[in-house]
Amino acid sequence: SGPGLVKPSQTLSLTCTVSGGSITT
């Protein structure tokens, strides 16, 4: 999830949401 459009020089921030398992496994 995150923005579909980013302007030049700016920072992209995307998040990945995990279900059905832990990212600390």
mmCIF file of all heavy atoms, coordinates in Angstrom:
data_MODEL
# 
_entry.id   MODEL 
# 
loop_
_atom_site.group_PDB 
_atom_site.id 
_atom_site.type_symbol 
_atom_site.label_atom_id 
_atom_site.label_alt_id 
_atom_site.label_comp_id 
_atom_site.label_asym_id 
_atom_site.label_entity_id 
_atom_site.label_seq_id 
_atom_site.pdbx_PDB_ins_code 
_atom_site.Cartn_x 
_atom_site.Cartn_y 
_atom_site.Cartn_z 
_atom_site.occupancy 
_atom_site.B_iso_or_equiv 
_atom_site.pdbx_formal_charge 
_atom_site.auth_seq_id 
_atom_site.auth_comp_id 
_atom_site.auth_asym_id 
_atom_site.auth_atom_id 
_atom_site.pdbx_PDB_model_num 
ATOM 1   N N   . SER A 1 1  ? 0.843  -1.185  0.000   1.00 0.00 ? 1  SER A N   1 
ATOM 2   C CA  . SER A 1 1  ? 0.000  0.000   0.000   1.00 0.00 ? 1  SER A CA  1 
ATOM 3   C C   . SER A 1 1  ? 0.881  1.238   0.000   1.00 0.00 ? 1  SER A C   1 
ATOM 4   O O   . SER A 1 1  ? 1.994  1.225   0.525   1.00 0.00 ? 1  SER A O   1 
ATOM 5   C CB  . SER A 1 1  ? -0.950 0.019   1.196   1.00 0.00 ? 1  SER A CB  1 
ATOM 6   O OG  . SER A 1 1  ? -0.239 0.040   2.418   1.00 0.00 ? 1  SER A OG  1 
ATOM 7   N N   . GLY A 1 2  ? 0.368  2.299   -0.603  1.00 0.00 ? 2  GLY A N   1 
ATOM 8   C CA  . GLY A 1 2  ? 1.100  3.545   -0.682  1.00 0.00 ? 2  GLY A CA  1 
ATOM 9   C C   . GLY A 1 2  ? 0.668  4.347   -1.891  1.00 0.00 ? 2  GLY A C   1 
ATOM 10  O O   . GLY A 1 2  ? -0.253 3.958   -2.606  1.00 0.00 ? 2  GLY A O   1 
ATOM 11  N N   . PRO A 1 3  ? 1.336  5.457   -2.148  1.00 0.00 ? 3  PRO A N   1 
ATOM 12  C CA  . PRO A 1 3  ? 0.924  6.336   -3.248  1.00 0.00 ? 3  PRO A CA  1 
ATOM 13  C C   . PRO A 1 3  ? 1.246  5.734   -4.606  1.00 0.00 ? 3  PRO A C   1 
ATOM 14  O O   . PRO A 1 3  ? 2.252  5.042   -4.777  1.00 0.00 ? 3  PRO A O   1 
ATOM 15  C CB  . PRO A 1 3  ? 1.740  7.605   -2.999  1.00 0.00 ? 3  PRO A CB  1 
ATOM 16  C CG  . PRO A 1 3  ? 2.976  7.110   -2.315  1.00 0.00 ? 3  PRO A CG  1 
ATOM 17  C CD  . PRO A 1 3  ? 2.507  5.982   -1.432  1.00 0.00 ? 3  PRO A CD  1 
ATOM 18  N N   . GLY A 1 4  ? 0.392  6.012   -5.570  1.00 0.00 ? 4  GLY A N   1 
ATOM 19  C CA  . GLY A 1 4  ? 0.656  5.587   -6.930  1.00 0.00 ? 4  GLY A CA  1 
ATOM 20  C C   . GLY A 1 4  ? 1.439  6.607   -7.737  1.00 0.00 ? 4  GLY A C   1 
ATOM 21  O O   . GLY A 1 4  ? 1.972  6.283   -8.802  1.00 0.00 ? 4  GLY A O   1 
ATOM 22  N N   . LEU A 1 5  ? 1.518  7.829   -7.231  1.00 0.00 ? 5  LEU A N   1 
ATOM 23  C CA  . LEU A 1 5  ? 2.198  8.908   -7.938  1.00 0.00 ? 5  LEU A CA  1 
ATOM 24  C C   . LEU A 1 5  ? 3.107  9.645   -6.962  1.00 0.00 ? 5  LEU A C   1 
ATOM 25  O O   . LEU A 1 5  ? 2.677  10.028  -5.869  1.00 0.00 ? 5  LEU A O   1 
ATOM 26  C CB  . LEU A 1 5  ? 1.181  9.871   -8.548  1.00 0.00 ? 5  LEU A CB  1 
ATOM 27  C CG  . LEU A 1 5  ? 1.732  11.036  -9.378  1.00 0.00 ? 5  LEU A CG  1 
ATOM 28  C CD1 . LEU A 1 5  ? 2.440  10.516  -10.620 1.00 0.00 ? 5  LEU A CD1 1 
ATOM 29  C CD2 . LEU A 1 5  ? 0.602  11.981  -9.769  1.00 0.00 ? 5  LEU A CD2 1 
ATOM 30  N N   . VAL A 1 6  ? 4.353  9.837   -7.361  1.00 0.00 ? 6  VAL A N   1 
ATOM 31  C CA  . VAL A 1 6  ? 5.341  10.545  -6.557  1.00 0.00 ? 6  VAL A CA  1 
ATOM 32  C C   . VAL A 1 6  ? 6.024  11.582  -7.439  1.00 0.00 ? 6  VAL A C   1 
ATOM 33  O O   . VAL A 1 6  ? 6.338  11.308  -8.597  1.00 0.00 ? 6  VAL A O   1 
ATOM 34  C CB  . VAL A 1 6  ? 6.394  9.586   -5.965  1.00 0.00 ? 6  VAL A CB  1 
ATOM 35  C CG1 . VAL A 1 6  ? 7.418  10.354  -5.137  1.00 0.00 ? 6  VAL A CG1 1 
ATOM 36  C CG2 . VAL A 1 6  ? 5.722  8.522   -5.108  1.00 0.00 ? 6  VAL A CG2 1 
ATOM 37  N N   . LYS A 1 7  ? 6.272  12.749  -6.885  1.00 0.00 ? 7  LYS A N   1 
ATOM 38  C CA  . LYS A 1 7  ? 6.948  13.798  -7.642  1.00 0.00 ? 7  LYS A CA  1 
ATOM 39  C C   . LYS A 1 7  ? 8.461  13.620  -7.591  1.00 0.00 ? 7  LYS A C   1 
ATOM 40  O O   . LYS A 1 7  ? 9.002  13.114  -6.601  1.00 0.00 ? 7  LYS A O   1 
ATOM 41  C CB  . LYS A 1 7  ? 6.564  15.167  -7.087  1.00 0.00 ? 7  LYS A CB  1 
ATOM 42  C CG  . LYS A 1 7  ? 5.096  15.510  -7.272  1.00 0.00 ? 7  LYS A CG  1 
ATOM 43  C CD  . LYS A 1 7  ? 4.782  16.882  -6.706  1.00 0.00 ? 7  LYS A CD  1 
ATOM 44  C CE  . LYS A 1 7  ? 3.323  17.228  -6.918  1.00 0.00 ? 7  LYS A CE  1 
ATOM 45  N NZ  . LYS A 1 7  ? 2.978  18.547  -6.359  1.00 0.00 ? 7  LYS A NZ  1 
ATOM 46  N N   . PRO A 1 8  ? 9.163  14.015  -8.644  1.00 0.00 ? 8  PRO A N   1 
ATOM 47  C CA  . PRO A 1 8  ? 10.624 13.932  -8.633  1.00 0.00 ? 8  PRO A CA  1 
ATOM 48  C C   . PRO A 1 8  ? 11.220 14.646  -7.427  1.00 0.00 ? 8  PRO A C   1 
ATOM 49  O O   . PRO A 1 8  ? 10.732 15.704  -7.023  1.00 0.00 ? 8  PRO A O   1 
ATOM 50  C CB  . PRO A 1 8  ? 11.034 14.617  -9.933  1.00 0.00 ? 8  PRO A CB  1 
ATOM 51  C CG  . PRO A 1 8  ? 9.859  14.433  -10.832 1.00 0.00 ? 8  PRO A CG  1 
ATOM 52  C CD  . PRO A 1 8  ? 8.648  14.517  -9.936  1.00 0.00 ? 8  PRO A CD  1 
ATOM 53  N N   . SER A 1 9  ? 12.262 14.051  -6.878  1.00 0.00 ? 9  SER A N   1 
ATOM 54  C CA  . SER A 1 9  ? 13.003 14.495  -5.695  1.00 0.00 ? 9  SER A CA  1 
ATOM 55  C C   . SER A 1 9  ? 12.340 14.097  -4.381  1.00 0.00 ? 9  SER A C   1 
ATOM 56  O O   . SER A 1 9  ? 12.984 14.171  -3.332  1.00 0.00 ? 9  SER A O   1 
ATOM 57  C CB  . SER A 1 9  ? 13.283 15.995  -5.695  1.00 0.00 ? 9  SER A CB  1 
ATOM 58  O OG  . SER A 1 9  ? 12.178 16.734  -5.218  1.00 0.00 ? 9  SER A OG  1 
ATOM 59  N N   . GLN A 1 10 ? 11.100 13.676  -4.420  1.00 0.00 ? 10 GLN A N   1 
ATOM 60  C CA  . GLN A 1 10 ? 10.418 13.308  -3.186  1.00 0.00 ? 10 GLN A CA  1 
ATOM 61  C C   . GLN A 1 10 ? 10.716 11.864  -2.802  1.00 0.00 ? 10 GLN A C   1 
ATOM 62  O O   . GLN A 1 10 ? 11.351 11.118  -3.545  1.00 0.00 ? 10 GLN A O   1 
ATOM 63  C CB  . GLN A 1 10 ? 8.907  13.541  -3.312  1.00 0.00 ? 10 GLN A CB  1 
ATOM 64  C CG  . GLN A 1 10 ? 8.556  15.002  -3.499  1.00 0.00 ? 10 GLN A CG  1 
ATOM 65  C CD  . GLN A 1 10 ? 7.125  15.344  -3.170  1.00 0.00 ? 10 GLN A CD  1 
ATOM 66  O OE1 . GLN A 1 10 ? 6.822  16.460  -2.762  1.00 0.00 ? 10 GLN A OE1 1 
ATOM 67  N NE2 . GLN A 1 10 ? 6.217  14.394  -3.331  1.00 0.00 ? 10 GLN A NE2 1 
ATOM 68  N N   . THR A 1 11 ? 10.276 11.477  -1.622  1.00 0.00 ? 11 THR A N   1 
ATOM 69  C CA  . THR A 1 11 ? 10.529 10.155  -1.082  1.00 0.00 ? 11 THR A CA  1 
ATOM 70  C C   . THR A 1 11 ? 9.293  9.278   -1.202  1.00 0.00 ? 11 THR A C   1 
ATOM 71  O O   . THR A 1 11 ? 8.186  9.698   -0.851  1.00 0.00 ? 11 THR A O   1 
ATOM 72  C CB  . THR A 1 11 ? 10.944 10.246  0.397   1.00 0.00 ? 11 THR A CB  1 
ATOM 73  O OG1 . THR A 1 11 ? 12.176 10.950  0.512   1.00 0.00 ? 11 THR A OG1 1 
ATOM 74  C CG2 . THR A 1 11 ? 11.107 8.854   1.008   1.00 0.00 ? 11 THR A CG2 1 
ATOM 75  N N   . LEU A 1 12 ? 9.511  8.066   -1.693  1.00 0.00 ? 12 LEU A N   1 
ATOM 76  C CA  . LEU A 1 12 ? 8.454  7.070   -1.758  1.00 0.00 ? 12 LEU A CA  1 
ATOM 77  C C   . LEU A 1 12 ? 8.369  6.333   -0.437  1.00 0.00 ? 12 LEU A C   1 
ATOM 78  O O   . LEU A 1 12 ? 9.392  5.940   0.121   1.00 0.00 ? 12 LEU A O   1 
ATOM 79  C CB  . LEU A 1 12 ? 8.740  6.075   -2.881  1.00 0.00 ? 12 LEU A CB  1 
ATOM 80  C CG  . LEU A 1 12 ? 7.844  4.835   -2.955  1.00 0.00 ? 12 LEU A CG  1 
ATOM 81  C CD1 . LEU A 1 12 ? 6.416  5.218   -3.329  1.00 0.00 ? 12 LEU A CD1 1 
ATOM 82  C CD2 . LEU A 1 12 ? 8.423  3.827   -3.939  1.00 0.00 ? 12 LEU A CD2 1 
ATOM 83  N N   . SER A 1 13 ? 7.171  6.130   0.054   1.00 0.00 ? 13 SER A N   1 
ATOM 84  C CA  . SER A 1 13 ? 6.952  5.313   1.232   1.00 0.00 ? 13 SER A CA  1 
ATOM 85  C C   . SER A 1 13 ? 5.872  4.289   0.926   1.00 0.00 ? 13 SER A C   1 
ATOM 86  O O   . SER A 1 13 ? 4.735  4.653   0.621   1.00 0.00 ? 13 SER A O   1 
ATOM 87  C CB  . SER A 1 13 ? 6.550  6.175   2.431   1.00 0.00 ? 13 SER A CB  1 
ATOM 88  O OG  . SER A 1 13 ? 6.398  5.386   3.600   1.00 0.00 ? 13 SER A OG  1 
ATOM 89  N N   . LEU A 1 14 ? 6.250  3.015   0.982   1.00 0.00 ? 14 LEU A N   1 
ATOM 90  C CA  . LEU A 1 14 ? 5.321  1.914   0.750   1.00 0.00 ? 14 LEU A CA  1 
ATOM 91  C C   . LEU A 1 14 ? 5.309  1.004   1.969   1.00 0.00 ? 14 LEU A C   1 
ATOM 92  O O   . LEU A 1 14 ? 6.349  0.777   2.593   1.00 0.00 ? 14 LEU A O   1 
ATOM 93  C CB  . LEU A 1 14 ? 5.725  1.092   -0.473  1.00 0.00 ? 14 LEU A CB  1 
ATOM 94  C CG  . LEU A 1 14 ? 5.669  1.763   -1.841  1.00 0.00 ? 14 LEU A CG  1 
ATOM 95  C CD1 . LEU A 1 14 ? 6.211  0.813   -2.898  1.00 0.00 ? 14 LEU A CD1 1 
ATOM 96  C CD2 . LEU A 1 14 ? 4.247  2.194   -2.175  1.00 0.00 ? 14 LEU A CD2 1 
ATOM 97  N N   . THR A 1 15 ? 4.160  0.467   2.274   1.00 0.00 ? 15 THR A N   1 
ATOM 98  C CA  . THR A 1 15 ? 4.007  -0.442  3.398   1.00 0.00 ? 15 THR A CA  1 
ATOM 99  C C   . THR A 1 15 ? 3.530  -1.794  2.898   1.00 0.00 ? 15 THR A C   1 
ATOM 100 O O   . THR A 1 15 ? 2.657  -1.870  2.033   1.00 0.00 ? 15 THR A O   1 
ATOM 101 C CB  . THR A 1 15 ? 3.004  0.122   4.418   1.00 0.00 ? 15 THR A CB  1 
ATOM 102 O OG1 . THR A 1 15 ? 3.532  1.326   4.980   1.00 0.00 ? 15 THR A OG1 1 
ATOM 103 C CG2 . THR A 1 15 ? 2.759  -0.871  5.551   1.00 0.00 ? 15 THR A CG2 1 
ATOM 104 N N   . CYS A 1 16 ? 4.116  -2.845  3.436   1.00 0.00 ? 16 CYS A N   1 
ATOM 105 C CA  . CYS A 1 16 ? 3.682  -4.212  3.165   1.00 0.00 ? 16 CYS A CA  1 
ATOM 106 C C   . CYS A 1 16 ? 3.048  -4.770  4.421   1.00 0.00 ? 16 CYS A C   1 
ATOM 107 O O   . CYS A 1 16 ? 3.712  -4.866  5.465   1.00 0.00 ? 16 CYS A O   1 
ATOM 108 C CB  . CYS A 1 16 ? 4.856  -5.082  2.732   1.00 0.00 ? 16 CYS A CB  1 
ATOM 109 S SG  . CYS A 1 16 ? 4.384  -6.768  2.275   1.00 0.00 ? 16 CYS A SG  1 
ATOM 110 N N   . THR A 1 17 ? 1.793  -5.128  4.321   1.00 0.00 ? 17 THR A N   1 
ATOM 111 C CA  . THR A 1 17 ? 1.074  -5.725  5.435   1.00 0.00 ? 17 THR A CA  1 
ATOM 112 C C   . THR A 1 17 ? 1.034  -7.233  5.256   1.00 0.00 ? 17 THR A C   1 
ATOM 113 O O   . THR A 1 17 ? 0.614  -7.727  4.206   1.00 0.00 ? 17 THR A O   1 
ATOM 114 C CB  . THR A 1 17 ? -0.347 -5.165  5.534   1.00 0.00 ? 17 THR A CB  1 
ATOM 115 O OG1 . THR A 1 17 ? -0.289 -3.746  5.733   1.00 0.00 ? 17 THR A OG1 1 
ATOM 116 C CG2 . THR A 1 17 ? -1.092 -5.787  6.709   1.00 0.00 ? 17 THR A CG2 1 
ATOM 117 N N   . VAL A 1 18 ? 1.484  -7.954  6.269   1.00 0.00 ? 18 VAL A N   1 
ATOM 118 C CA  . VAL A 1 18 ? 1.577  -9.407  6.218   1.00 0.00 ? 18 VAL A CA  1 
ATOM 119 C C   . VAL A 1 18 ? 0.493  -10.004 7.094   1.00 0.00 ? 18 VAL A C   1 
ATOM 120 O O   . VAL A 1 18 ? 0.330  -9.603  8.253   1.00 0.00 ? 18 VAL A O   1 
ATOM 121 C CB  . VAL A 1 18 ? 2.955  -9.893  6.685   1.00 0.00 ? 18 VAL A CB  1 
ATOM 122 C CG1 . VAL A 1 18 ? 3.028  -11.420 6.660   1.00 0.00 ? 18 VAL A CG1 1 
ATOM 123 C CG2 . VAL A 1 18 ? 4.051  -9.283  5.825   1.00 0.00 ? 18 VAL A CG2 1 
ATOM 124 N N   . SER A 1 19 ? -0.232 -10.958 6.552   1.00 0.00 ? 19 SER A N   1 
ATOM 125 C CA  . SER A 1 19 ? -1.237 -11.692 7.310   1.00 0.00 ? 19 SER A CA  1 
ATOM 126 C C   . SER A 1 19 ? -0.978 -13.186 7.178   1.00 0.00 ? 19 SER A C   1 
ATOM 127 O O   . SER A 1 19 ? -0.381 -13.643 6.207   1.00 0.00 ? 19 SER A O   1 
ATOM 128 C CB  . SER A 1 19 ? -2.651 -11.345 6.840   1.00 0.00 ? 19 SER A CB  1 
ATOM 129 O OG  . SER A 1 19 ? -2.830 -11.676 5.474   1.00 0.00 ? 19 SER A OG  1 
ATOM 130 N N   . GLY A 1 20 ? -1.421 -13.947 8.160   1.00 0.00 ? 20 GLY A N   1 
ATOM 131 C CA  . GLY A 1 20 ? -1.241 -15.384 8.129   1.00 0.00 ? 20 GLY A CA  1 
ATOM 132 C C   . GLY A 1 20 ? 0.132  -15.867 8.570   1.00 0.00 ? 20 GLY A C   1 
ATOM 133 O O   . GLY A 1 20 ? 0.424  -17.063 8.496   1.00 0.00 ? 20 GLY A O   1 
ATOM 134 N N   . GLY A 1 21 ? 0.973  -14.976 9.011   1.00 0.00 ? 21 GLY A N   1 
ATOM 135 C CA  . GLY A 1 21 ? 2.311  -15.305 9.474   1.00 0.00 ? 21 GLY A CA  1 
ATOM 136 C C   . GLY A 1 21 ? 2.971  -14.076 10.048  1.00 0.00 ? 21 GLY A C   1 
ATOM 137 O O   . GLY A 1 21 ? 2.622  -12.956 9.685   1.00 0.00 ? 21 GLY A O   1 
ATOM 138 N N   . SER A 1 22 ? 3.941  -14.277 10.908  1.00 0.00 ? 22 SER A N   1 
ATOM 139 C CA  . SER A 1 22 ? 4.616  -13.176 11.586  1.00 0.00 ? 22 SER A CA  1 
ATOM 140 C C   . SER A 1 22 ? 5.914  -12.811 10.892  1.00 0.00 ? 22 SER A C   1 
ATOM 141 O O   . SER A 1 22 ? 6.684  -13.694 10.490  1.00 0.00 ? 22 SER A O   1 
ATOM 142 C CB  . SER A 1 22 ? 4.899  -13.554 13.040  1.00 0.00 ? 22 SER A CB  1 
ATOM 143 O OG  . SER A 1 22 ? 5.674  -12.556 13.675  1.00 0.00 ? 22 SER A OG  1 
ATOM 144 N N   . ILE A 1 23 ? 6.196  -11.528 10.786  1.00 0.00 ? 23 ILE A N   1 
ATOM 145 C CA  . ILE A 1 23 ? 7.451  -11.083 10.188  1.00 0.00 ? 23 ILE A CA  1 
ATOM 146 C C   . ILE A 1 23 ? 8.643  -11.338 11.100  1.00 0.00 ? 23 ILE A C   1 
ATOM 147 O O   . ILE A 1 23 ? 9.789  -11.158 10.674  1.00 0.00 ? 23 ILE A O   1 
ATOM 148 C CB  . ILE A 1 23 ? 7.401  -9.591  9.785   1.00 0.00 ? 23 ILE A CB  1 
ATOM 149 C CG1 . ILE A 1 23 ? 7.150  -8.697  11.006  1.00 0.00 ? 23 ILE A CG1 1 
ATOM 150 C CG2 . ILE A 1 23 ? 6.341  -9.368  8.711   1.00 0.00 ? 23 ILE A CG2 1 
ATOM 151 C CD1 . ILE A 1 23 ? 7.263  -7.212  10.686  1.00 0.00 ? 23 ILE A CD1 1 
ATOM 152 N N   . THR A 1 24 ? 8.397  -11.770 12.314  1.00 0.00 ? 24 THR A N   1 
ATOM 153 C CA  . THR A 1 24 ? 9.478  -12.112 13.224  1.00 0.00 ? 24 THR A CA  1 
ATOM 154 C C   . THR A 1 24 ? 9.750  -13.612 13.300  1.00 0.00 ? 24 THR A C   1 
ATOM 155 O O   . THR A 1 24 ? 10.618 -14.035 14.063  1.00 0.00 ? 24 THR A O   1 
ATOM 156 C CB  . THR A 1 24 ? 9.204  -11.577 14.640  1.00 0.00 ? 24 THR A CB  1 
ATOM 157 O OG1 . THR A 1 24 ? 8.031  -12.196 15.176  1.00 0.00 ? 24 THR A OG1 1 
ATOM 158 C CG2 . THR A 1 24 ? 9.014  -10.066 14.613  1.00 0.00 ? 24 THR A CG2 1 
ATOM 159 N N   . THR A 1 25 ? 9.036  -14.407 12.534  1.00 0.00 ? 25 THR A N   1 
ATOM 160 C CA  . THR A 1 25 ? 9.253  -15.848 12.545  1.00 0.00 ? 25 THR A CA  1 
ATOM 161 C C   . THR A 1 25 ? 10.657 -16.198 12.070  1.00 0.00 ? 25 THR A C   1 
ATOM 162 O O   . THR A 1 25 ? 11.139 -15.678 11.064  1.00 0.00 ? 25 THR A O   1 
ATOM 163 C CB  . THR A 1 25 ? 8.219  -16.566 11.663  1.00 0.00 ? 25 THR A CB  1 
ATOM 164 O OG1 . THR A 1 25 ? 6.916  -16.373 12.221  1.00 0.00 ? 25 THR A OG1 1 
ATOM 165 C CG2 . THR A 1 25 ? 8.494  -18.065 11.605  1.00 0.00 ? 25 THR A CG2 1 
# 
